[in-house]
Amino acid sequence: MSINDIIRAPEKLACDKRIHMLVGVLLTSVLVVMGVNVGLTVVIVSTIGILVEVYQLKSGAGAYDVMDALAVLIGSILVAVPVWIVP
C-alpha cells in the first residue's frame, strides 16, 4: 500500500495502524499540555514507538512491524504541526 492509496482511501488503512496513530496523537497531546517543547515531544514519542517495535522484535512478544513505529510518528506529527504553527 502506497502513500497515495492511504490518502485516497483512508478506510483501507488497517485498524492496527489507526490505533498506533491514535497512540501517537494521545502521547503528543499529553506531553504538549504538560509544557514539553513540541520538537522534543515528537522525538520522545517517535523514540517510544521505535523502542516498542525493537522490544517486540528482540523478545518475540507481539507482532513486530516497522510501519507501526511510522504510524506512531505520523500521529505525533498530526498534533505537533498545528501546535507549532499556531503557538
N, C-alpha and C. Protein backbone atom coordinates (compact mmCIF):
# COMPACT_ATOMS: atom_id res chain seq x y z
N MET A 1 0.85 -1.17 0.00
CA MET A 1 0.00 0.00 0.00
C MET A 1 0.90 1.24 0.00
N SER A 2 0.64 2.13 -0.94
CA SER A 2 1.46 3.33 -1.05
C SER A 2 0.80 4.49 -0.30
N ILE A 3 1.53 5.58 -0.18
CA ILE A 3 1.00 6.79 0.47
C ILE A 3 -0.21 7.31 -0.30
N ASN A 4 -0.16 7.26 -1.62
CA ASN A 4 -1.30 7.72 -2.43
C ASN A 4 -2.55 6.92 -2.14
N ASP A 5 -2.40 5.61 -1.95
CA ASP A 5 -3.55 4.77 -1.60
C ASP A 5 -4.15 5.18 -0.27
N ILE A 6 -3.29 5.51 0.70
CA ILE A 6 -3.77 5.91 2.02
C ILE A 6 -4.50 7.24 1.94
N ILE A 7 -3.96 8.17 1.16
CA ILE A 7 -4.58 9.49 1.03
C ILE A 7 -5.92 9.38 0.33
N ARG A 8 -6.00 8.57 -0.70
CA ARG A 8 -7.23 8.44 -1.48
C ARG A 8 -8.29 7.59 -0.79
N ALA A 9 -7.88 6.63 0.00
CA ALA A 9 -8.83 5.71 0.62
C ALA A 9 -8.37 5.38 2.04
N PRO A 10 -8.59 6.31 3.00
CA PRO A 10 -8.12 6.04 4.37
C PRO A 10 -8.79 4.84 5.03
N GLU A 11 -9.95 4.43 4.53
CA GLU A 11 -10.60 3.27 5.13
C GLU A 11 -9.81 1.98 4.88
N LYS A 12 -8.88 2.01 3.91
CA LYS A 12 -8.03 0.85 3.66
C LYS A 12 -6.91 0.73 4.68
N LEU A 13 -6.67 1.79 5.45
CA LEU A 13 -5.64 1.77 6.48
C LEU A 13 -6.06 0.79 7.56
N ALA A 14 -5.20 -0.14 7.88
CA ALA A 14 -5.53 -1.19 8.84
C ALA A 14 -5.89 -0.61 10.21
N CYS A 15 -6.78 -1.27 10.88
CA CYS A 15 -7.22 -0.84 12.21
C CYS A 15 -6.02 -0.74 13.15
N ASP A 16 -5.10 -1.66 13.02
CA ASP A 16 -3.89 -1.66 13.85
C ASP A 16 -3.10 -0.36 13.67
N LYS A 17 -2.97 0.10 12.45
CA LYS A 17 -2.23 1.34 12.19
C LYS A 17 -2.99 2.55 12.72
N ARG A 18 -4.30 2.51 12.64
CA ARG A 18 -5.11 3.60 13.19
C ARG A 18 -4.90 3.70 14.70
N ILE A 19 -4.82 2.57 15.36
CA ILE A 19 -4.60 2.57 16.81
C ILE A 19 -3.21 3.14 17.13
N HIS A 20 -2.20 2.77 16.35
CA HIS A 20 -0.86 3.31 16.58
C HIS A 20 -0.83 4.82 16.34
N MET A 21 -1.56 5.28 15.33
CA MET A 21 -1.63 6.72 15.09
C MET A 21 -2.31 7.42 16.26
N LEU A 22 -3.36 6.81 16.79
CA LEU A 22 -4.06 7.38 17.94
C LEU A 22 -3.15 7.46 19.15
N VAL A 23 -2.32 6.44 19.35
CA VAL A 23 -1.35 6.46 20.45
C VAL A 23 -0.39 7.64 20.28
N GLY A 24 0.09 7.85 19.05
CA GLY A 24 0.97 8.98 18.78
C GLY A 24 0.29 10.31 19.06
N VAL A 25 -0.97 10.42 18.65
CA VAL A 25 -1.74 11.65 18.91
C VAL A 25 -1.91 11.88 20.41
N LEU A 26 -2.28 10.83 21.13
CA LEU A 26 -2.53 10.99 22.57
C LEU A 26 -1.25 11.29 23.35
N LEU A 27 -0.18 10.58 23.06
CA LEU A 27 1.08 10.84 23.76
C LEU A 27 1.58 12.26 23.50
N THR A 28 1.51 12.68 22.25
CA THR A 28 1.95 14.03 21.90
C THR A 28 1.07 15.07 22.57
N SER A 29 -0.23 14.85 22.58
CA SER A 29 -1.15 15.80 23.21
C SER A 29 -0.85 15.95 24.69
N VAL A 30 -0.63 14.83 25.36
CA VAL A 30 -0.34 14.88 26.79
C VAL A 30 0.95 15.63 27.07
N LEU A 31 1.99 15.33 26.30
CA LEU A 31 3.27 16.00 26.51
C LEU A 31 3.20 17.49 26.21
N VAL A 32 2.48 17.86 25.17
CA VAL A 32 2.34 19.29 24.83
C VAL A 32 1.57 20.02 25.93
N VAL A 33 0.51 19.41 26.43
CA VAL A 33 -0.26 20.02 27.52
C VAL A 33 0.60 20.17 28.77
N MET A 34 1.53 19.22 28.99
CA MET A 34 2.42 19.31 30.14
C MET A 34 3.50 20.37 29.95
N GLY A 35 3.59 20.94 28.75
CA GLY A 35 4.52 22.03 28.52
C GLY A 35 5.84 21.62 27.91
N VAL A 36 5.93 20.40 27.43
CA VAL A 36 7.17 19.94 26.80
C VAL A 36 7.27 20.57 25.40
N ASN A 37 8.47 20.97 25.00
CA ASN A 37 8.71 21.55 23.69
C ASN A 37 8.17 20.63 22.60
N VAL A 38 7.55 21.21 21.57
CA VAL A 38 6.90 20.42 20.52
C VAL A 38 7.90 19.54 19.78
N GLY A 39 9.05 20.08 19.42
CA GLY A 39 10.05 19.28 18.72
C GLY A 39 10.55 18.13 19.57
N LEU A 40 10.80 18.39 20.84
CA LEU A 40 11.22 17.35 21.75
C LEU A 40 10.13 16.29 21.93
N THR A 41 8.90 16.74 21.93
CA THR A 41 7.77 15.82 22.06
C THR A 41 7.74 14.82 20.91
N VAL A 42 7.93 15.30 19.69
CA VAL A 42 7.94 14.40 18.53
C VAL A 42 9.09 13.40 18.65
N VAL A 43 10.24 13.86 19.10
CA VAL A 43 11.39 12.97 19.27
C VAL A 43 11.09 11.91 20.34
N ILE A 44 10.51 12.33 21.45
CA ILE A 44 10.20 11.40 22.54
C ILE A 44 9.19 10.35 22.08
N VAL A 45 8.13 10.80 21.44
CA VAL A 45 7.06 9.88 21.02
C VAL A 45 7.57 8.92 19.94
N SER A 46 8.33 9.43 18.97
CA SER A 46 8.84 8.53 17.94
C SER A 46 9.85 7.54 18.52
N THR A 47 10.64 7.97 19.49
CA THR A 47 11.57 7.06 20.15
C THR A 47 10.83 5.96 20.90
N ILE A 48 9.76 6.32 21.56
CA ILE A 48 8.93 5.31 22.24
C ILE A 48 8.39 4.31 21.24
N GLY A 49 7.88 4.79 20.11
CA GLY A 49 7.36 3.90 19.08
C GLY A 49 8.42 2.95 18.55
N ILE A 50 9.61 3.47 18.31
CA ILE A 50 10.71 2.64 17.81
C ILE A 50 11.14 1.62 18.86
N LEU A 51 11.27 2.06 20.11
CA LEU A 51 11.70 1.15 21.17
C LEU A 51 10.70 0.02 21.40
N VAL A 52 9.42 0.32 21.29
CA VAL A 52 8.41 -0.74 21.42
C VAL A 52 8.58 -1.77 20.31
N GLU A 53 8.81 -1.31 19.09
CA GLU A 53 8.99 -2.25 17.98
C GLU A 53 10.29 -3.05 18.13
N VAL A 54 11.35 -2.43 18.59
CA VAL A 54 12.61 -3.16 18.83
C VAL A 54 12.41 -4.20 19.92
N TYR A 55 11.68 -3.84 20.97
CA TYR A 55 11.39 -4.79 22.04
C TYR A 55 10.61 -5.99 21.48
N GLN A 56 9.60 -5.71 20.65
CA GLN A 56 8.82 -6.80 20.07
C GLN A 56 9.68 -7.70 19.18
N LEU A 57 10.61 -7.10 18.45
CA LEU A 57 11.49 -7.87 17.59
C LEU A 57 12.42 -8.77 18.40
N LYS A 58 13.03 -8.20 19.44
CA LYS A 58 14.02 -8.94 20.23
C LYS A 58 13.39 -9.99 21.14
N SER A 59 12.23 -9.67 21.71
CA SER A 59 11.64 -10.57 22.68
C SER A 59 10.67 -11.59 22.06
N GLY A 60 10.19 -11.27 20.87
CA GLY A 60 9.20 -12.15 20.26
C GLY A 60 7.80 -11.90 20.76
N ALA A 61 7.66 -10.94 21.66
CA ALA A 61 6.33 -10.59 22.17
C ALA A 61 5.66 -9.64 21.19
N GLY A 62 4.44 -9.94 20.81
CA GLY A 62 3.73 -9.07 19.88
C GLY A 62 4.21 -9.26 18.46
N ALA A 63 3.62 -8.49 17.57
CA ALA A 63 3.96 -8.58 16.16
C ALA A 63 4.82 -7.39 15.76
N TYR A 64 6.05 -7.65 15.41
CA TYR A 64 6.99 -6.61 15.01
C TYR A 64 6.61 -6.07 13.63
N ASP A 65 6.49 -4.75 13.50
CA ASP A 65 6.19 -4.12 12.22
C ASP A 65 6.72 -2.70 12.23
N VAL A 66 7.62 -2.41 11.31
CA VAL A 66 8.21 -1.07 11.22
C VAL A 66 7.14 -0.02 10.94
N MET A 67 6.11 -0.40 10.21
CA MET A 67 5.04 0.54 9.88
C MET A 67 4.28 0.99 11.13
N ASP A 68 4.29 0.18 12.19
CA ASP A 68 3.66 0.59 13.45
C ASP A 68 4.40 1.80 14.04
N ALA A 69 5.72 1.75 14.03
CA ALA A 69 6.51 2.88 14.54
C ALA A 69 6.28 4.11 13.67
N LEU A 70 6.17 3.92 12.37
CA LEU A 70 5.89 5.03 11.46
C LEU A 70 4.51 5.61 11.72
N ALA A 71 3.54 4.77 12.02
CA ALA A 71 2.19 5.25 12.31
C ALA A 71 2.17 6.08 13.59
N VAL A 72 2.95 5.69 14.59
CA VAL A 72 3.06 6.49 15.82
C VAL A 72 3.65 7.85 15.50
N LEU A 73 4.69 7.88 14.68
CA LEU A 73 5.32 9.14 14.29
C LEU A 73 4.34 10.03 13.53
N ILE A 74 3.59 9.46 12.61
CA ILE A 74 2.61 10.25 11.85
C ILE A 74 1.55 10.82 12.78
N GLY A 75 1.08 10.02 13.73
CA GLY A 75 0.12 10.53 14.71
C GLY A 75 0.68 11.68 15.52
N SER A 76 1.94 11.58 15.88
CA SER A 76 2.60 12.64 16.64
C SER A 76 2.70 13.92 15.81
N ILE A 77 3.06 13.76 14.56
CA ILE A 77 3.19 14.92 13.67
C ILE A 77 1.84 15.59 13.42
N LEU A 78 0.76 14.79 13.38
CA LEU A 78 -0.57 15.36 13.18
C LEU A 78 -0.94 16.35 14.28
N VAL A 79 -0.43 16.15 15.47
CA VAL A 79 -0.67 17.08 16.58
C VAL A 79 0.38 18.18 16.60
N ALA A 80 1.63 17.81 16.37
CA ALA A 80 2.73 18.75 16.54
C ALA A 80 2.72 19.88 15.53
N VAL A 81 2.38 19.63 14.30
CA VAL A 81 2.43 20.67 13.29
C VAL A 81 1.45 21.80 13.58
N PRO A 82 0.17 21.51 13.85
CA PRO A 82 -0.73 22.62 14.18
C PRO A 82 -0.32 23.38 15.46
N VAL A 83 0.19 22.65 16.44
CA VAL A 83 0.63 23.31 17.69
C VAL A 83 1.82 24.20 17.40
N TRP A 84 2.72 23.76 16.54
CA TRP A 84 3.90 24.53 16.20
C TRP A 84 3.53 25.77 15.37
N ILE A 85 2.58 25.61 14.44
CA ILE A 85 2.19 26.72 13.56
C ILE A 85 1.40 27.78 14.34
N VAL A 86 0.49 27.33 15.20
CA VAL A 86 -0.34 28.25 15.96
C VAL A 86 0.08 28.16 17.43
N PRO A 87 1.01 29.03 17.84
CA PRO A 87 1.53 28.94 19.22
C PRO A 87 0.51 29.32 20.26
